[in-house]
Amino acid sequence: MTQTAVTEPTDTPRSAGQPRRRSNDRSVGFDVVAHIVLILWSLLVVLPLLWVFVSSFKTTKEALGNPLTWPHSFHWQNYATAWNESGVGPAFINTVIVVGCSLAIVMVLGAMCSYVLARFKFFGNRVIYYLMLVGLTFPPFLAIVPLFSILKNLSLLNTLGGLIVTYVAFALPFTVFFLHAFFRRLPFDVYEAAQVDGAGEWRTFFQVMLPMARPGMASVAIFNFLGLWNQFLLPTVLKPDDSVLTQAMSQFQSQAGYAVDFGALFAAVVITVAPVLVVYIIFQRQLRGSVVAGAVK
């Protein structure tokens, strides 16, 4: 007689892998929804910029009559009108000077201050750091009257220098707060190795520690640039004579009344927004690198 072996039923590979397949399906569904949301958000951001750029080559009649169509011909003179007749040209130069000088000063001072507060222990360290944080909660409009009096007594009112000093004072707390975490997480071994090699504190900071914090420096520089470039309240009160871009845009729109040259107005908007886009495109890799580094740490 022959006997047949009876085998017990085992779980099929499909049933064993079913929970993992469900989790994969959920992740795929989440990715699809996330991509749809990101695409919609990108369209909401990009389409208005493209519309403004295309409209900057139209005449006022074309911009009002056919706002969503392509211009019949490219009117490059709109940019010349915006630059020369509306005051955007001199305001652009003033803005570059003020923002460039303010950004350079605040980045150097902020990096040095945050490095000392993060790496050295001394009496009053935490007090100074918390005072810097208090500066983040102080609204600028509350300081308008004392700022006006101080700059007037120092003969800095209605000057680019006074506006630069004010920009630096308001951007410094955020810079210190942002860079403090980066310098605090830098390895002490590198600092000790530089000291063993005979490097002083200044050389260690500028040649060793500061390059290691480059992603954080790039990120805070972008944020400061955006905030200073779009500043309107402080230059309106403290620098009413020679306007910056935000003031020039406001004056251009208000002085024209109902006879607005929309082609030149859109061209002025493009001139105002273009530097911001250029700065972000240049430093976008450093910005992504700082975000990834912060997530890993």
C-alpha atoms as a PDB file:
ATOM      1  CA  MET A   1       0.000   0.000   0.000  1.00  0.00           C
ATOM      2  CA  THR A   2       1.215   3.441  -0.719  1.00  0.00           C
ATOM      3  CA  GLN A   3       0.706   6.248   1.743  1.00  0.00           C
ATOM      4  CA  THR A   4       0.346   9.833   0.641  1.00  0.00           C
ATOM      5  CA  ALA A   5       1.783  12.504   2.839  1.00  0.00           C
ATOM      6  CA  VAL A   6      -0.701  15.051   3.970  1.00  0.00           C
ATOM      7  CA  THR A   7       0.703  18.577   4.150  1.00  0.00           C
ATOM      8  CA  GLU A   8      -0.857  21.230   6.278  1.00  0.00           C
ATOM      9  CA  PRO A   9      -2.012  24.332   4.484  1.00  0.00           C
ATOM     10  CA  THR A  10       0.340  27.265   4.829  1.00  0.00           C
ATOM     11  CA  ASP A  11      -0.300  30.957   4.406  1.00  0.00           C
ATOM     12  CA  THR A  12       0.117  32.099   0.869  1.00  0.00           C
ATOM     13  CA  PRO A  13       2.659  34.803   0.135  1.00  0.00           C
ATOM     14  CA  ARG A  14      -0.194  37.096  -0.857  1.00  0.00           C
ATOM     15  CA  SER A  15      -1.819  36.958   2.586  1.00  0.00           C
ATOM     16  CA  ALA A  16       1.542  37.420   4.292  1.00  0.00           C
ATOM     17  CA  GLY A  17       2.339  40.522   2.241  1.00  0.00           C
ATOM     18  CA  GLN A  18      -1.121  42.004   2.352  1.00  0.00           C
ATOM     19  CA  PRO A  19      -0.525  44.510   5.228  1.00  0.00           C
ATOM     20  CA  ARG A  20       2.626  45.801   3.554  1.00  0.00           C
ATOM     21  CA  ARG A  21       0.766  46.190   0.282  1.00  0.00           C
ATOM     22  CA  ARG A  22      -1.931  48.185   2.040  1.00  0.00           C
ATOM     23  CA  SER A  23       0.652  50.483   3.572  1.00  0.00           C
ATOM     24  CA  ASN A  24       2.245  50.950   0.161  1.00  0.00           C
ATOM     25  CA  ASP A  25      -1.143  51.813  -1.318  1.00  0.00           C
ATOM     26  CA  ARG A  26      -1.684  54.391   1.413  1.00  0.00           C
ATOM     27  CA  SER A  27       1.716  55.983   0.781  1.00  0.00           C
ATOM     28  CA  VAL A  28       1.035  56.107  -2.959  1.00  0.00           C
ATOM     29  CA  GLY A  29      -2.344  57.729  -2.337  1.00  0.00           C
ATOM     30  CA  PHE A  30      -0.747  60.282  -0.017  1.00  0.00           C
ATOM     31  CA  ASP A  31       1.936  61.068  -2.612  1.00  0.00           C
ATOM     32  CA  VAL A  32      -0.710  61.602  -5.294  1.00  0.00           C
ATOM     33  CA  VAL A  33      -2.705  63.984  -3.093  1.00  0.00           C
ATOM     34  CA  ALA A  34       0.461  65.819  -2.034  1.00  0.00           C
ATOM     35  CA  HIS A  35       1.559  66.275  -5.654  1.00  0.00           C
ATOM     36  CA  ILE A  36      -1.881  67.561  -6.658  1.00  0.00           C
ATOM     37  CA  VAL A  37      -1.843  70.109  -3.822  1.00  0.00           C
ATOM     38  CA  LEU A  38       1.698  71.209  -4.700  1.00  0.00           C
ATOM     39  CA  ILE A  39       0.790  71.571  -8.377  1.00  0.00           C
ATOM     40  CA  LEU A  40      -2.246  73.706  -7.522  1.00  0.00           C
ATOM     41  CA  TRP A  41      -0.182  75.826  -5.141  1.00  0.00           C
ATOM     42  CA  SER A  42       2.532  76.279  -7.792  1.00  0.00           C
ATOM     43  CA  LEU A  43      -0.070  77.413 -10.301  1.00  0.00           C
ATOM     44  CA  LEU A  44      -1.456  79.930  -7.803  1.00  0.00           C
ATOM     45  CA  VAL A  45       2.040  81.378  -7.376  1.00  0.00           C
ATOM     46  CA  VAL A  46       3.427  81.162 -10.908  1.00  0.00           C
ATOM     47  CA  LEU A  47       0.410  82.201 -12.988  1.00  0.00           C
ATOM     48  CA  PRO A  48       0.034  85.695 -11.434  1.00  0.00           C
ATOM     49  CA  LEU A  49       3.764  86.305 -11.951  1.00  0.00           C
ATOM     50  CA  LEU A  50       3.514  85.257 -15.587  1.00  0.00           C
ATOM     51  CA  TRP A  51       0.439  87.440 -16.052  1.00  0.00           C
ATOM     52  CA  VAL A  52       2.259  90.475 -14.621  1.00  0.00           C
ATOM     53  CA  PHE A  53       5.303  89.792 -16.803  1.00  0.00           C
ATOM     54  CA  VAL A  54       3.217  89.472 -19.989  1.00  0.00           C
ATOM     55  CA  SER A  55       1.131  92.528 -19.090  1.00  0.00           C
ATOM     56  CA  SER A  56       4.297  94.612 -18.696  1.00  0.00           C
ATOM     57  CA  PHE A  57       4.650  94.549 -22.506  1.00  0.00           C
ATOM     58  CA  LYS A  58       1.085  95.731 -23.176  1.00  0.00           C
ATOM     59  CA  THR A  59      -0.407  99.162 -23.554  1.00  0.00           C
ATOM     60  CA  THR A  60      -3.011 100.369 -21.089  1.00  0.00           C
ATOM     61  CA  LYS A  61      -5.771  99.692 -23.632  1.00  0.00           C
ATOM     62  CA  GLU A  62      -4.607  96.103 -24.133  1.00  0.00           C
ATOM     63  CA  ALA A  63      -4.150  95.497 -20.397  1.00  0.00           C
ATOM     64  CA  LEU A  64      -7.709  96.631 -19.630  1.00  0.00           C
ATOM     65  CA  GLY A  65      -9.427  95.316 -22.755  1.00  0.00           C
ATOM     66  CA  ASN A  66      -7.743  91.924 -23.098  1.00  0.00           C
ATOM     67  CA  PRO A  67      -6.025  91.144 -19.792  1.00  0.00           C
ATOM     68  CA  LEU A  68      -5.598  87.416 -20.487  1.00  0.00           C
ATOM     69  CA  THR A  69      -4.396  87.579 -24.092  1.00  0.00           C
ATOM     70  CA  TRP A  70      -0.906  87.814 -25.537  1.00  0.00           C
ATOM     71  CA  PRO A  71       0.225  91.356 -26.453  1.00  0.00           C
ATOM     72  CA  HIS A  72       0.012  92.300 -30.126  1.00  0.00           C
ATOM     73  CA  SER A  73       3.511  93.738 -29.944  1.00  0.00           C
ATOM     74  CA  PHE A  74       6.087  93.959 -27.181  1.00  0.00           C
ATOM     75  CA  HIS A  75       6.235  97.524 -25.831  1.00  0.00           C
ATOM     76  CA  TRP A  76       9.705  97.658 -24.319  1.00  0.00           C
ATOM     77  CA  GLN A  77       9.286 101.366 -23.706  1.00  0.00           C
ATOM     78  CA  ASN A  78       7.145 100.493 -20.696  1.00  0.00           C
ATOM     79  CA  TYR A  79      10.330  99.607 -18.818  1.00  0.00           C
ATOM     80  CA  ALA A  80      11.980 102.854 -19.885  1.00  0.00           C
ATOM     81  CA  THR A  81       8.933 104.792 -18.720  1.00  0.00           C
ATOM     82  CA  ALA A  82       8.880 102.988 -15.384  1.00  0.00           C
ATOM     83  CA  TRP A  83      12.603 103.502 -14.848  1.00  0.00           C
ATOM     84  CA  ASN A  84      12.868 107.171 -15.892  1.00  0.00           C
ATOM     85  CA  GLU A  85       9.493 108.874 -15.470  1.00  0.00           C
ATOM     86  CA  SER A  86       8.015 107.093 -12.436  1.00  0.00           C
ATOM     87  CA  GLY A  87      11.103 107.367 -10.241  1.00  0.00           C
ATOM     88  CA  VAL A  88      11.689 103.618 -10.064  1.00  0.00           C
ATOM     89  CA  GLY A  89      15.274 103.979 -11.328  1.00  0.00           C
ATOM     90  CA  PRO A  90      16.642 106.194  -8.526  1.00  0.00           C
ATOM     91  CA  ALA A  91      14.532 104.291  -5.967  1.00  0.00           C
ATOM     92  CA  PHE A  92      15.987 101.003  -7.210  1.00  0.00           C
ATOM     93  CA  ILE A  93      19.536 102.312  -6.744  1.00  0.00           C
ATOM     94  CA  ASN A  94      18.696 103.604  -3.249  1.00  0.00           C
ATOM     95  CA  THR A  95      17.156 100.260  -2.321  1.00  0.00           C
ATOM     96  CA  VAL A  96      20.188  98.318  -3.538  1.00  0.00           C
ATOM     97  CA  ILE A  97      22.512 100.555  -1.514  1.00  0.00           C
ATOM     98  CA  VAL A  98      20.432 100.416   1.672  1.00  0.00           C
ATOM     99  CA  VAL A  99      19.598  96.719   1.540  1.00  0.00           C
ATOM    100  CA  GLY A 100      23.088  95.687   0.422  1.00  0.00           C
ATOM    101  CA  CYS A 101      24.875  97.614   3.170  1.00  0.00           C
ATOM    102  CA  SER A 102      22.344  96.598   5.816  1.00  0.00           C
ATOM    103  CA  LEU A 103      22.533  92.945   4.833  1.00  0.00           C
ATOM    104  CA  ALA A 104      26.343  92.885   4.878  1.00  0.00           C
ATOM    105  CA  ILE A 105      26.531  94.560   8.293  1.00  0.00           C
ATOM    106  CA  VAL A 106      23.788  92.499   9.923  1.00  0.00           C
ATOM    107  CA  MET A 107      25.206  89.218   8.632  1.00  0.00           C
ATOM    108  CA  VAL A 108      28.684  89.944  10.019  1.00  0.00           C
ATOM    109  CA  LEU A 109      27.426  91.270  13.357  1.00  0.00           C
ATOM    110  CA  GLY A 110      24.762  88.589  13.671  1.00  0.00           C
ATOM    111  CA  ALA A 111      27.195  85.772  12.934  1.00  0.00           C
ATOM    112  CA  MET A 112      29.742  87.065  15.442  1.00  0.00           C
ATOM    113  CA  CYS A 113      27.146  87.654  18.147  1.00  0.00           C
ATOM    114  CA  SER A 114      25.437  84.278  17.702  1.00  0.00           C
ATOM    115  CA  TYR A 115      28.810  82.496  17.642  1.00  0.00           C
ATOM    116  CA  VAL A 116      29.880  84.021  20.945  1.00  0.00           C
ATOM    117  CA  LEU A 117      26.521  83.342  22.598  1.00  0.00           C
ATOM    118  CA  ALA A 118      26.463  79.749  21.349  1.00  0.00           C
ATOM    119  CA  ARG A 119      30.080  78.694  21.970  1.00  0.00           C
ATOM    120  CA  PHE A 120      31.284  80.638  25.028  1.00  0.00           C
ATOM    121  CA  LYS A 121      29.962  80.543  28.581  1.00  0.00           C
ATOM    122  CA  PHE A 122      30.143  83.788  30.529  1.00  0.00           C
ATOM    123  CA  PHE A 123      28.089  85.744  33.017  1.00  0.00           C
ATOM    124  CA  GLY A 124      24.992  87.204  31.356  1.00  0.00           C
ATOM    125  CA  ASN A 125      25.121  84.916  28.316  1.00  0.00           C
ATOM    126  CA  ARG A 126      21.522  83.757  28.554  1.00  0.00           C
ATOM    127  CA  VAL A 127      20.307  87.226  29.516  1.00  0.00           C
ATOM    128  CA  ILE A 128      21.740  88.738  26.334  1.00  0.00           C
ATOM    129  CA  TYR A 129      20.298  85.920  24.245  1.00  0.00           C
ATOM    130  CA  TYR A 130      16.821  86.325  25.730  1.00  0.00           C
ATOM    131  CA  LEU A 131      16.986  90.084  25.219  1.00  0.00           C
ATOM    132  CA  MET A 132      17.653  89.344  21.566  1.00  0.00           C
ATOM    133  CA  LEU A 133      14.568  87.148  21.488  1.00  0.00           C
ATOM    134  CA  VAL A 134      12.518  89.947  23.032  1.00  0.00           C
ATOM    135  CA  GLY A 135      13.528  92.083  20.056  1.00  0.00           C
ATOM    136  CA  LEU A 136      11.690  89.639  17.781  1.00  0.00           C
ATOM    137  CA  THR A 137       8.406  90.359  19.534  1.00  0.00           C
ATOM    138  CA  PHE A 138       8.745  94.149  19.321  1.00  0.00           C
ATOM    139  CA  PRO A 139       6.572  95.594  16.513  1.00  0.00           C
ATOM    140  CA  PRO A 140       8.357  98.206  14.389  1.00  0.00           C
ATOM    141  CA  PHE A 141       5.497 100.720  14.486  1.00  0.00           C
ATOM    142  CA  LEU A 142       5.852 101.043  18.266  1.00  0.00           C
ATOM    143  CA  ALA A 143       9.416 102.314  17.817  1.00  0.00           C
ATOM    144  CA  ILE A 144       8.633 104.917  15.159  1.00  0.00           C
ATOM    145  CA  VAL A 145       8.450 107.931  17.505  1.00  0.00           C
ATOM    146  CA  PRO A 146      11.624 107.171  19.535  1.00  0.00           C
ATOM    147  CA  LEU A 147      13.467 106.209  16.337  1.00  0.00           C
ATOM    148  CA  PHE A 148      12.467 109.492  14.736  1.00  0.00           C
ATOM    149  CA  SER A 149      13.760 111.457  17.759  1.00  0.00           C
ATOM    150  CA  ILE A 150      17.021 109.502  18.018  1.00  0.00           C
ATOM    151  CA  LEU A 151      17.870 109.798  14.332  1.00  0.00           C
ATOM    152  CA  LYS A 152      16.989 113.488  14.374  1.00  0.00           C
ATOM    153  CA  ASN A 153      19.317 114.127  17.320  1.00  0.00           C
ATOM    154  CA  LEU A 154      22.091 112.181  15.575  1.00  0.00           C
ATOM    155  CA  SER A 155      21.531 114.106  12.300  1.00  0.00           C
ATOM    156  CA  LEU A 156      20.719 110.835  10.539  1.00  0.00           C
ATOM    157  CA  LEU A 157      17.100 111.623   9.692  1.00  0.00           C
ATOM    158  CA  ASN A 158      16.320 111.689   5.960  1.00  0.00           C
ATOM    159  CA  THR A 159      19.623 109.965   5.177  1.00  0.00           C
ATOM    160  CA  LEU A 160      20.475 106.570   3.765  1.00  0.00           C
ATOM    161  CA  GLY A 161      22.846 106.000   6.685  1.00  0.00           C
ATOM    162  CA  GLY A 162      20.066 106.404   9.213  1.00  0.00           C
ATOM    163  CA  LEU A 163      17.897 103.946   7.304  1.00  0.00           C
ATOM    164  CA  ILE A 164      20.773 101.438   7.167  1.00  0.00           C
ATOM    165  CA  VAL A 165      21.318 101.647  10.928  1.00  0.00           C
ATOM    166  CA  THR A 166      17.600 101.138  11.525  1.00  0.00           C
ATOM    167  CA  TYR A 167      17.453  98.126   9.202  1.00  0.00           C
ATOM    168  CA  VAL A 168      20.423  96.541  10.961  1.00  0.00           C
ATOM    169  CA  ALA A 169      18.849  97.072  14.393  1.00  0.00           C
ATOM    170  CA  PHE A 170      15.587  95.395  13.397  1.00  0.00           C
ATOM    171  CA  ALA A 171      17.180  92.493  11.477  1.00  0.00           C
ATOM    172  CA  LEU A 172      19.844  91.653  14.080  1.00  0.00           C
ATOM    173  CA  PRO A 173      17.626  89.775  16.614  1.00  0.00           C
ATOM    174  CA  PHE A 174      16.271  87.387  13.991  1.00  0.00           C
ATOM    175  CA  THR A 175      19.761  86.779  12.602  1.00  0.00           C
ATOM    176  CA  VAL A 176      21.144  85.933  16.042  1.00  0.00           C
ATOM    177  CA  PHE A 177      18.188  83.679  16.835  1.00  0.00           C
ATOM    178  CA  PHE A 178      18.508  81.813  13.526  1.00  0.00           C
ATOM    179  CA  LEU A 179      22.294  81.332  13.561  1.00  0.00           C
ATOM    180  CA  HIS A 180      22.541  80.500  17.268  1.00  0.00           C
ATOM    181  CA  ALA A 181      21.304  76.948  16.663  1.00  0.00           C
ATOM    182  CA  PHE A 182      23.728  76.389  13.773  1.00  0.00           C
ATOM    183  CA  PHE A 183      26.812  77.468  15.718  1.00  0.00           C
ATOM    184  CA  ARG A 184      25.703  75.539  18.769  1.00  0.00           C
ATOM    185  CA  ARG A 185      25.537  72.277  16.809  1.00  0.00           C
ATOM    186  CA  LEU A 186      28.941  72.596  15.186  1.00  0.00           C
ATOM    187  CA  PRO A 187      31.397  69.957  16.501  1.00  0.00           C
ATOM    188  CA  PHE A 188      33.804  71.093  19.218  1.00  0.00           C
ATOM    189  CA  ASP A 189      36.484  68.774  17.836  1.00  0.00           C
ATOM    190  CA  VAL A 190      37.002  71.041  14.847  1.00  0.00           C
ATOM    191  CA  TYR A 191      37.353  74.077  17.122  1.00  0.00           C
ATOM    192  CA  GLU A 192      39.868  72.262  19.329  1.00  0.00           C
ATOM    193  CA  ALA A 193      41.838  71.092  16.294  1.00  0.00           C
ATOM    194  CA  ALA A 194      42.090  74.676  15.038  1.00  0.00           C
ATOM    195  CA  GLN A 195      43.285  75.813  18.463  1.00  0.00           C
ATOM    196  CA  VAL A 196      45.915  73.063  18.561  1.00  0.00           C
ATOM    197  CA  ASP A 197      47.171  74.159  15.142  1.00  0.00           C
ATOM    198  CA  GLY A 198      47.765  77.631  16.549  1.00  0.00           C
ATOM    199  CA  ALA A 199      44.764  79.482  15.153  1.00  0.00           C
ATOM    200  CA  GLY A 200      43.460  82.373  17.239  1.00  0.00           C
ATOM    201  CA  GLU A 201      39.837  83.085  17.973  1.00  0.00           C
ATOM    202  CA  TRP A 202      39.385  85.430  15.016  1.00  0.00           C
ATOM    203  CA  ARG A 203      41.012  83.070  12.554  1.00  0.00           C
ATOM    204  CA  THR A 204      39.093  80.100  13.948  1.00  0.00           C
ATOM    205  CA  PHE A 205      35.822  81.933  13.508  1.00  0.00           C
ATOM    206  CA  PHE A 206      36.330  83.350  10.018  1.00  0.00           C
ATOM    207  CA  GLN A 207      38.255  80.456   8.436  1.00  0.00           C
ATOM    208  CA  VAL A 208      36.887  77.393  10.238  1.00  0.00           C
ATOM    209  CA  MET A 209      33.549  77.883  11.996  1.00  0.00           C
ATOM    210  CA  LEU A 210      31.908  80.440   9.684  1.00  0.00           C
ATOM    211  CA  PRO A 211      32.333  78.338   6.495  1.00  0.00           C
ATOM    212  CA  MET A 212      30.772  75.370   8.311  1.00  0.00           C
ATOM    213  CA  ALA A 213      27.665  77.497   8.981  1.00  0.00           C
ATOM    214  CA  ARG A 214      27.351  78.546   5.333  1.00  0.00           C
ATOM    215  CA  PRO A 215      23.917  76.915   4.764  1.00  0.00           C
ATOM    216  CA  GLY A 216      22.492  78.764   7.753  1.00  0.00           C
ATOM    217  CA  MET A 217      24.094  82.014   6.627  1.00  0.00           C
ATOM    218  CA  ALA A 218      22.542  81.643   3.172  1.00  0.00           C
ATOM    219  CA  SER A 219      19.104  80.928   4.611  1.00  0.00           C
ATOM    220  CA  VAL A 220      19.040  83.854   7.020  1.00  0.00           C
ATOM    221  CA  ALA A 221      20.454  86.109   4.297  1.00  0.00           C
ATOM    222  CA  ILE A 222      17.505  85.250   2.042  1.00  0.00           C
ATOM    223  CA  PHE A 223      14.976  85.913   4.812  1.00  0.00           C
ATOM    224  CA  ASN A 224      16.629  89.203   5.746  1.00  0.00           C
ATOM    225  CA  PHE A 225      16.834  90.265   2.115  1.00  0.00           C
ATOM    226  CA  LEU A 226      13.122  89.642   1.595  1.00  0.00           C
ATOM    227  CA  GLY A 227      12.180  91.540   4.741  1.00  0.00           C
ATOM    228  CA  LEU A 228      14.428  94.530   4.038  1.00  0.00           C
ATOM    229  CA  TRP A 229      13.641  94.714   0.317  1.00  0.00           C
ATOM    230  CA  ASN A 230       9.876  94.855   0.976  1.00  0.00           C
ATOM    231  CA  GLN A 231      10.106  97.264   3.917  1.00  0.00           C
ATOM    232  CA  PHE A 232       7.648 100.149   3.596  1.00  0.00           C
ATOM    233  CA  LEU A 233       6.849 101.637   7.013  1.00  0.00           C
ATOM    234  CA  LEU A 234      10.367 102.508   8.170  1.00  0.00           C
ATOM    235  CA  PRO A 235      11.548 104.245   4.967  1.00  0.00           C
ATOM    236  CA  THR A 236       8.263 106.130   4.698  1.00  0.00           C
ATOM    237  CA  VAL A 237       8.713 107.667   8.152  1.00  0.00           C
ATOM    238  CA  LEU A 238      12.498 107.950   8.386  1.00  0.00           C
ATOM    239  CA  LYS A 239      13.494 108.614   4.764  1.00  0.00           C
ATOM    240  CA  PRO A 240      10.749 110.571   3.001  1.00  0.00           C
ATOM    241  CA  ASP A 241      13.014 112.558   0.620  1.00  0.00           C
ATOM    242  CA  ASP A 242      14.824 109.956  -1.465  1.00  0.00           C
ATOM    243  CA  SER A 243      12.378 107.108  -1.784  1.00  0.00           C
ATOM    244  CA  VAL A 244      13.071 103.385  -1.976  1.00  0.00           C
ATOM    245  CA  LEU A 245      11.255 100.972  -4.272  1.00  0.00           C
ATOM    246  CA  THR A 246       8.203 100.396  -2.097  1.00  0.00           C
ATOM    247  CA  GLN A 247       7.682 104.150  -1.755  1.00  0.00           C
ATOM    248  CA  ALA A 248       8.223 104.745  -5.460  1.00  0.00           C
ATOM    249  CA  MET A 249       5.658 102.091  -6.346  1.00  0.00           C
ATOM    250  CA  SER A 250       3.108 103.631  -4.004  1.00  0.00           C
ATOM    251  CA  GLN A 251       3.745 107.146  -5.309  1.00  0.00           C
ATOM    252  CA  PHE A 252       3.612 105.989  -8.928  1.00  0.00           C
ATOM    253  CA  GLN A 253       0.199 104.425  -8.451  1.00  0.00           C
ATOM    254  CA  SER A 254      -1.274 107.250  -6.349  1.00  0.00           C
ATOM    255  CA  GLN A 255       0.010 110.219  -8.376  1.00  0.00           C
ATOM    256  CA  ALA A 256      -1.391 108.850 -11.630  1.00  0.00           C
ATOM    257  CA  GLY A 257      -4.934 108.808 -10.259  1.00  0.00           C
ATOM    258  CA  TYR A 258      -7.323 107.346 -12.802  1.00  0.00           C
ATOM    259  CA  ALA A 259      -4.863 107.810 -15.688  1.00  0.00           C
ATOM    260  CA  VAL A 260      -2.606 104.958 -14.699  1.00  0.00           C
ATOM    261  CA  ASP A 261      -0.157 103.679 -17.294  1.00  0.00           C
ATOM    262  CA  PHE A 262      -0.736 100.015 -16.519  1.00  0.00           C
ATOM    263  CA  GLY A 263       1.998  98.846 -18.865  1.00  0.00           C
ATOM    264  CA  ALA A 264       4.600 100.932 -17.041  1.00  0.00           C
ATOM    265  CA  LEU A 265       3.080  99.952 -13.687  1.00  0.00           C
ATOM    266  CA  PHE A 266       3.431  96.244 -14.459  1.00  0.00           C
ATOM    267  CA  ALA A 267       6.970  96.888 -15.696  1.00  0.00           C
ATOM    268  CA  ALA A 268       7.768  98.579 -12.389  1.00  0.00           C
ATOM    269  CA  VAL A 269       6.405  95.532 -10.553  1.00  0.00           C
ATOM    270  CA  VAL A 270       8.664  93.259 -12.606  1.00  0.00           C
ATOM    271  CA  ILE A 271      11.682  95.465 -11.810  1.00  0.00           C
ATOM    272  CA  THR A 272      10.803  95.247  -8.121  1.00  0.00           C
ATOM    273  CA  VAL A 273      10.265  91.469  -8.024  1.00  0.00           C
ATOM    274  CA  ALA A 274      13.128  90.410 -10.325  1.00  0.00           C
ATOM    275  CA  PRO A 275      15.982  90.884  -7.786  1.00  0.00           C
ATOM    276  CA  VAL A 276      14.124  88.770  -5.225  1.00  0.00           C
ATOM    277  CA  LEU A 277      13.752  85.912  -7.696  1.00  0.00           C
ATOM    278  CA  VAL A 278      17.398  86.173  -8.743  1.00  0.00           C
ATOM    279  CA  VAL A 279      18.614  86.036  -5.132  1.00  0.00           C
ATOM    280  CA  TYR A 280      16.442  83.012  -4.382  1.00  0.00           C
ATOM    281  CA  ILE A 281      17.575  81.168  -7.515  1.00  0.00           C
ATOM    282  CA  ILE A 282      21.226  81.764  -6.609  1.00  0.00           C
ATOM    283  CA  PHE A 283      20.891  80.610  -2.990  1.00  0.00           C
ATOM    284  CA  GLN A 284      18.193  77.942  -3.333  1.00  0.00           C
ATOM    285  CA  ARG A 285      20.681  75.079  -2.959  1.00  0.00           C
ATOM    286  CA  GLN A 286      22.035  76.498   0.283  1.00  0.00           C
ATOM    287  CA  LEU A 287      18.488  77.014   1.533  1.00  0.00           C
ATOM    288  CA  ARG A 288      17.553  73.385   0.836  1.00  0.00           C
ATOM    289  CA  GLY A 289      20.830  72.241   2.377  1.00  0.00           C
ATOM    290  CA  SER A 290      20.145  74.119   5.611  1.00  0.00           C
ATOM    291  CA  VAL A 291      16.667  72.626   5.871  1.00  0.00           C
ATOM    292  CA  VAL A 292      17.992  69.097   5.305  1.00  0.00           C
ATOM    293  CA  ALA A 293      20.846  69.626   7.768  1.00  0.00           C
ATOM    294  CA  GLY A 294      18.439  70.897  10.399  1.00  0.00           C
ATOM    295  CA  ALA A 295      16.133  67.901   9.882  1.00  0.00           C
ATOM    296  CA  VAL A 296      19.010  65.414  10.169  1.00  0.00           C
ATOM    297  CA  LYS A 297      20.377  66.995  13.308  1.00  0.00           C
END
